[in-house]
Amino acid sequence: MEQGGMQETLISLLPIVFFIAIFYLLLIRPANVKRKKHQDMINALQKGDKIITTGGLICEVVKAEKTFFSVRLNDDTIVRLSREFIAYKLDESEAQE
């Protein structure tokens, strides 16, 4: 292959590389950062923390297990909740309201 043909090939691939880089920076990387932050939050949960499930229930963590959390819905009801269904942890100021 001649020198000019190789340069044309590299120039024609440049837009594809550019779009892949933009796609990574705008979509993939922020999603990975958000997923990592959420996983760290779930791993840091401990007994007494207030959480909100993806279904909108507000509960209190009673026991952390490997794949589940035992959570208290009210004074009489304790259920097991998969780690996948925890939306976020309530802060102390949010839990008081």
C-alpha atoms as a PDB file:
ATOM      1  CA  MET A   1       0.000   0.000   0.000  1.00  0.00           C
ATOM      2  CA  GLU A   2       1.327   3.392  -0.863  1.00  0.00           C
ATOM      3  CA  GLN A   3       1.823   6.222   1.623  1.00  0.00           C
ATOM      4  CA  GLY A   4      -1.124   8.280   0.311  1.00  0.00           C
ATOM      5  CA  GLY A   5      -3.521   5.312   0.568  1.00  0.00           C
ATOM      6  CA  MET A   6      -2.594   4.742   4.196  1.00  0.00           C
ATOM      7  CA  GLN A   7      -3.154   8.391   5.062  1.00  0.00           C
ATOM      8  CA  GLU A   8      -6.565   8.329   3.391  1.00  0.00           C
ATOM      9  CA  THR A   9      -7.531   5.244   5.398  1.00  0.00           C
ATOM     10  CA  LEU A  10      -6.470   6.878   8.661  1.00  0.00           C
ATOM     11  CA  ILE A  11      -8.336  10.075   7.781  1.00  0.00           C
ATOM     12  CA  SER A  12     -11.477   8.106   6.919  1.00  0.00           C
ATOM     13  CA  LEU A  13     -11.332   6.295  10.303  1.00  0.00           C
ATOM     14  CA  LEU A  14     -10.882   9.525  12.254  1.00  0.00           C
ATOM     15  CA  PRO A  15     -14.625  10.415  12.434  1.00  0.00           C
ATOM     16  CA  ILE A  16     -15.467   6.919  13.709  1.00  0.00           C
ATOM     17  CA  VAL A  17     -12.817   7.181  16.438  1.00  0.00           C
ATOM     18  CA  PHE A  18     -14.110  10.649  17.301  1.00  0.00           C
ATOM     19  CA  PHE A  19     -17.717   9.407  17.666  1.00  0.00           C
ATOM     20  CA  ILE A  20     -16.629   6.455  19.782  1.00  0.00           C
ATOM     21  CA  ALA A  21     -14.708   8.800  22.105  1.00  0.00           C
ATOM     22  CA  ILE A  22     -17.705  11.164  22.411  1.00  0.00           C
ATOM     23  CA  PHE A  23     -20.054   8.218  23.038  1.00  0.00           C
ATOM     24  CA  TYR A  24     -17.759   6.957  25.797  1.00  0.00           C
ATOM     25  CA  LEU A  25     -17.378  10.361  27.459  1.00  0.00           C
ATOM     26  CA  LEU A  26     -21.069  11.286  27.325  1.00  0.00           C
ATOM     27  CA  LEU A  27     -22.794   7.956  27.961  1.00  0.00           C
ATOM     28  CA  ILE A  28     -20.678   5.059  29.132  1.00  0.00           C
ATOM     29  CA  ARG A  29     -18.371   6.756  31.632  1.00  0.00           C
ATOM     30  CA  PRO A  30     -21.096   8.688  33.534  1.00  0.00           C
ATOM     31  CA  ALA A  31     -23.215   5.526  33.759  1.00  0.00           C
ATOM     32  CA  ASN A  32     -20.270   3.570  35.159  1.00  0.00           C
ATOM     33  CA  VAL A  33     -19.524   6.295  37.715  1.00  0.00           C
ATOM     34  CA  LYS A  34     -23.172   6.369  38.819  1.00  0.00           C
ATOM     35  CA  ARG A  35     -23.319   2.557  39.077  1.00  0.00           C
ATOM     36  CA  LYS A  36     -20.107   2.482  41.141  1.00  0.00           C
ATOM     37  CA  LYS A  37     -21.383   5.198  43.492  1.00  0.00           C
ATOM     38  CA  HIS A  38     -24.686   3.314  43.980  1.00  0.00           C
ATOM     39  CA  GLN A  39     -22.837   0.034  44.646  1.00  0.00           C
ATOM     40  CA  ASP A  40     -20.611   1.739  47.229  1.00  0.00           C
ATOM     41  CA  MET A  41     -23.713   3.171  48.942  1.00  0.00           C
ATOM     42  CA  ILE A  42     -25.327  -0.287  49.114  1.00  0.00           C
ATOM     43  CA  ASN A  43     -22.149  -1.886  50.470  1.00  0.00           C
ATOM     44  CA  ALA A  44     -21.931   0.787  53.198  1.00  0.00           C
ATOM     45  CA  LEU A  45     -25.486   0.240  54.475  1.00  0.00           C
ATOM     46  CA  GLN A  46     -25.702  -0.965  58.043  1.00  0.00           C
ATOM     47  CA  LYS A  47     -28.273  -1.697  60.725  1.00  0.00           C
ATOM     48  CA  GLY A  48     -30.507   1.290  61.452  1.00  0.00           C
ATOM     49  CA  ASP A  49     -30.076   3.052  58.089  1.00  0.00           C
ATOM     50  CA  LYS A  50     -33.264   4.273  56.421  1.00  0.00           C
ATOM     51  CA  ILE A  51     -33.620   3.387  52.752  1.00  0.00           C
ATOM     52  CA  ILE A  52     -36.086   3.823  49.922  1.00  0.00           C
ATOM     53  CA  THR A  53     -36.760   0.866  47.663  1.00  0.00           C
ATOM     54  CA  THR A  54     -37.279   1.111  43.924  1.00  0.00           C
ATOM     55  CA  GLY A  55     -40.971   0.536  44.674  1.00  0.00           C
ATOM     56  CA  GLY A  56     -41.062   3.625  46.888  1.00  0.00           C
ATOM     57  CA  LEU A  57     -41.228   1.941  50.291  1.00  0.00           C
ATOM     58  CA  ILE A  58     -39.361   3.590  53.145  1.00  0.00           C
ATOM     59  CA  CYS A  59     -37.787   0.996  55.439  1.00  0.00           C
ATOM     60  CA  GLU A  60     -35.098   0.535  58.032  1.00  0.00           C
ATOM     61  CA  VAL A  61     -32.230  -1.925  57.601  1.00  0.00           C
ATOM     62  CA  VAL A  62     -32.293  -4.610  60.291  1.00  0.00           C
ATOM     63  CA  LYS A  63     -29.604  -6.954  58.983  1.00  0.00           C
ATOM     64  CA  ALA A  64     -27.227  -6.924  56.012  1.00  0.00           C
ATOM     65  CA  GLU A  65     -26.685 -10.273  54.317  1.00  0.00           C
ATOM     66  CA  LYS A  66     -24.652 -11.255  51.264  1.00  0.00           C
ATOM     67  CA  THR A  67     -27.420 -10.851  48.657  1.00  0.00           C
ATOM     68  CA  PHE A  68     -30.304  -9.557  50.756  1.00  0.00           C
ATOM     69  CA  PHE A  69     -31.136  -7.053  53.455  1.00  0.00           C
ATOM     70  CA  SER A  70     -33.627  -7.738  56.209  1.00  0.00           C
ATOM     71  CA  VAL A  71     -35.668  -4.555  56.475  1.00  0.00           C
ATOM     72  CA  ARG A  72     -38.366  -3.346  58.842  1.00  0.00           C
ATOM     73  CA  LEU A  73     -41.455  -1.923  57.149  1.00  0.00           C
ATOM     74  CA  ASN A  74     -43.255  -1.144  60.414  1.00  0.00           C
ATOM     75  CA  ASP A  75     -43.111  -2.301  64.030  1.00  0.00           C
ATOM     76  CA  ASP A  76     -44.478  -5.755  63.202  1.00  0.00           C
ATOM     77  CA  THR A  77     -43.201  -6.478  59.688  1.00  0.00           C
ATOM     78  CA  ILE A  78     -39.673  -7.514  58.761  1.00  0.00           C
ATOM     79  CA  VAL A  79     -39.021  -8.691  55.197  1.00  0.00           C
ATOM     80  CA  ARG A  80     -36.014  -9.641  53.091  1.00  0.00           C
ATOM     81  CA  LEU A  81     -35.156  -7.286  50.258  1.00  0.00           C
ATOM     82  CA  SER A  82     -32.747  -8.008  47.412  1.00  0.00           C
ATOM     83  CA  ARG A  83     -29.857  -5.545  47.121  1.00  0.00           C
ATOM     84  CA  GLU A  84     -30.969  -4.829  43.545  1.00  0.00           C
ATOM     85  CA  PHE A  85     -34.126  -3.077  44.746  1.00  0.00           C
ATOM     86  CA  ILE A  86     -32.555  -0.393  46.931  1.00  0.00           C
ATOM     87  CA  ALA A  87     -32.931   2.997  45.274  1.00  0.00           C
ATOM     88  CA  TYR A  88     -31.083   5.160  47.771  1.00  0.00           C
ATOM     89  CA  LYS A  89     -30.340   5.855  51.416  1.00  0.00           C
ATOM     90  CA  LEU A  90     -32.269   8.535  53.257  1.00  0.00           C
ATOM     91  CA  ASP A  91     -30.214  11.185  54.995  1.00  0.00           C
ATOM     92  CA  GLU A  92     -30.982  11.951  58.632  1.00  0.00           C
ATOM     93  CA  SER A  93     -32.652  15.243  57.683  1.00  0.00           C
ATOM     94  CA  GLU A  94     -34.876  13.509  55.096  1.00  0.00           C
ATOM     95  CA  ALA A  95     -35.762  10.679  57.496  1.00  0.00           C
ATOM     96  CA  GLN A  96     -37.089  13.114  60.124  1.00  0.00           C
ATOM     97  CA  GLU A  97     -39.675  14.702  57.818  1.00  0.00           C
END
